[in-house]
Amino acid sequence: MSRAVWFVAGASAGVYAMNKARQFAGTLSAEGMKARWQGVTHGARLVVADAKQAQATKEDELRVKLGLPAVSPDAGRQLGAGSSAAATATPALAPTVENDKKDTH
């Protein structure tokens, strides 16, 4: 009886080790490495999406708490409630280069 138990235990351990070795060899293949890379990039995309969602939620909470106007989803995450004339006008920070040139010839 004892020899049969040890035989079955040894055979089971051999089958287990063979399956693990086959799985490890599969992960080192080109397809296995590609699958791992796809998994890592997918996980990174999920983390970034969760962070952006948490950021938007926290920003909305702060806007409500501070009494700021809400941001419409169509406008993106930009500040609102400015006058339309001020929002469309672009400030001139410096005169254009053509105006500063002098004829030296």
Protein backbone atom coordinates (compact mmCIF):
# COMPACT_ATOMS: atom_id res chain seq x y z
CA MET A 1 0.00 0.00 0.00
CA SER A 2 2.79 2.41 0.90
CA ARG A 3 4.59 1.93 -2.43
CA ALA A 4 1.39 2.63 -4.38
CA VAL A 5 0.82 5.88 -2.47
CA TRP A 6 4.38 7.06 -3.15
CA PHE A 7 4.09 6.05 -6.80
CA VAL A 8 0.88 8.07 -7.22
CA ALA A 9 2.39 11.03 -5.34
CA GLY A 10 5.52 10.97 -7.52
CA ALA A 11 3.51 10.68 -10.73
CA SER A 12 1.27 13.58 -9.66
CA ALA A 13 4.28 15.75 -8.82
CA GLY A 14 5.82 14.92 -12.20
CA VAL A 15 2.65 15.85 -14.08
CA TYR A 16 2.35 19.09 -12.08
CA ALA A 17 5.99 20.03 -12.76
CA MET A 18 5.62 19.23 -16.46
CA ASN A 19 2.53 21.45 -16.75
CA LYS A 20 4.27 24.31 -14.94
CA ALA A 21 7.33 23.99 -17.21
CA ARG A 22 5.09 24.06 -20.30
CA GLN A 23 3.31 27.19 -19.02
CA PHE A 24 6.64 28.89 -18.31
CA ALA A 25 7.94 28.05 -21.78
CA GLY A 26 4.74 29.47 -23.25
CA THR A 27 5.21 32.77 -21.45
CA LEU A 28 8.72 33.10 -22.88
CA SER A 29 7.54 32.57 -26.45
CA ALA A 30 6.84 35.49 -28.78
CA GLU A 31 3.09 35.05 -28.40
CA GLY A 32 3.40 34.84 -24.62
CA MET A 33 5.48 38.00 -24.41
CA LYS A 34 3.03 39.80 -26.70
CA ALA A 35 0.12 38.72 -24.50
CA ARG A 36 1.92 39.91 -21.37
CA TRP A 37 2.71 43.29 -22.98
CA GLN A 38 -0.92 43.70 -24.05
CA GLY A 39 -2.00 42.92 -20.50
CA VAL A 40 0.38 45.51 -19.05
CA THR A 41 -0.73 48.23 -21.48
CA HIS A 42 -4.40 47.43 -20.90
CA GLY A 43 -3.87 47.67 -17.15
CA ALA A 44 -2.10 51.00 -17.56
CA ARG A 45 -4.99 52.35 -19.66
CA LEU A 46 -7.45 51.27 -16.95
CA VAL A 47 -5.41 53.00 -14.24
CA VAL A 48 -5.24 56.23 -16.29
CA ALA A 49 -8.99 56.12 -16.98
CA ASP A 50 -9.73 55.58 -13.28
CA ALA A 51 -7.44 58.46 -12.32
CA LYS A 52 -9.10 60.80 -14.81
CA GLN A 53 -12.54 59.81 -13.56
CA ALA A 54 -11.50 60.38 -9.93
CA GLN A 55 -9.99 63.74 -10.89
CA ALA A 56 -13.19 64.84 -12.64
CA THR A 57 -15.31 63.70 -9.69
CA LYS A 58 -13.12 65.54 -7.19
CA GLU A 59 -13.14 68.67 -9.36
CA ASP A 60 -16.93 68.60 -9.51
CA GLU A 61 -17.11 68.17 -5.72
CA LEU A 62 -14.78 71.12 -5.21
CA ARG A 63 -16.75 73.28 -7.65
CA VAL A 64 -19.95 72.57 -5.71
CA LYS A 65 -18.21 73.19 -2.38
CA LEU A 66 -16.68 76.49 -3.54
CA GLY A 67 -19.79 77.63 -5.40
CA LEU A 68 -18.11 77.77 -8.81
CA PRO A 69 -20.13 77.22 -11.98
CA ALA A 70 -20.39 73.67 -13.27
CA VAL A 71 -18.51 72.64 -16.39
CA SER A 72 -20.58 71.36 -19.28
CA PRO A 73 -19.38 68.05 -20.75
CA ASP A 74 -19.42 69.54 -24.27
CA ALA A 75 -16.96 72.27 -23.33
CA GLY A 76 -14.40 69.87 -21.92
CA ARG A 77 -12.69 70.54 -18.59
CA GLN A 78 -12.33 74.30 -19.07
CA LEU A 79 -13.31 77.19 -16.88
CA GLY A 80 -16.61 78.78 -17.78
CA ALA A 81 -18.75 81.76 -16.77
CA GLY A 82 -16.61 84.38 -18.52
CA SER A 83 -18.05 86.98 -20.85
CA SER A 84 -18.26 85.77 -24.42
CA ALA A 85 -16.35 88.78 -25.75
CA ALA A 86 -13.51 88.25 -23.31
CA ALA A 87 -13.44 84.52 -23.99
CA THR A 88 -13.19 84.90 -27.76
CA ALA A 89 -10.62 87.73 -27.81
CA THR A 90 -7.01 86.66 -27.83
CA PRO A 91 -4.67 88.95 -25.93
CA ALA A 92 -1.76 90.46 -27.83
CA LEU A 93 1.28 89.72 -25.73
CA ALA A 94 3.89 91.34 -27.95
CA PRO A 95 3.90 93.24 -31.22
CA THR A 96 4.59 91.21 -34.33
CA VAL A 97 8.15 90.92 -35.59
CA GLU A 98 7.33 92.72 -38.86
CA ASN A 99 6.43 95.90 -36.97
CA ASP A 100 9.78 95.96 -35.17
CA LYS A 101 11.98 95.59 -38.27
CA LYS A 102 13.76 98.67 -39.54
CA ASP A 103 15.20 99.16 -42.99
CA THR A 104 18.96 99.29 -42.46
CA HIS A 105 19.97 99.46 -46.17
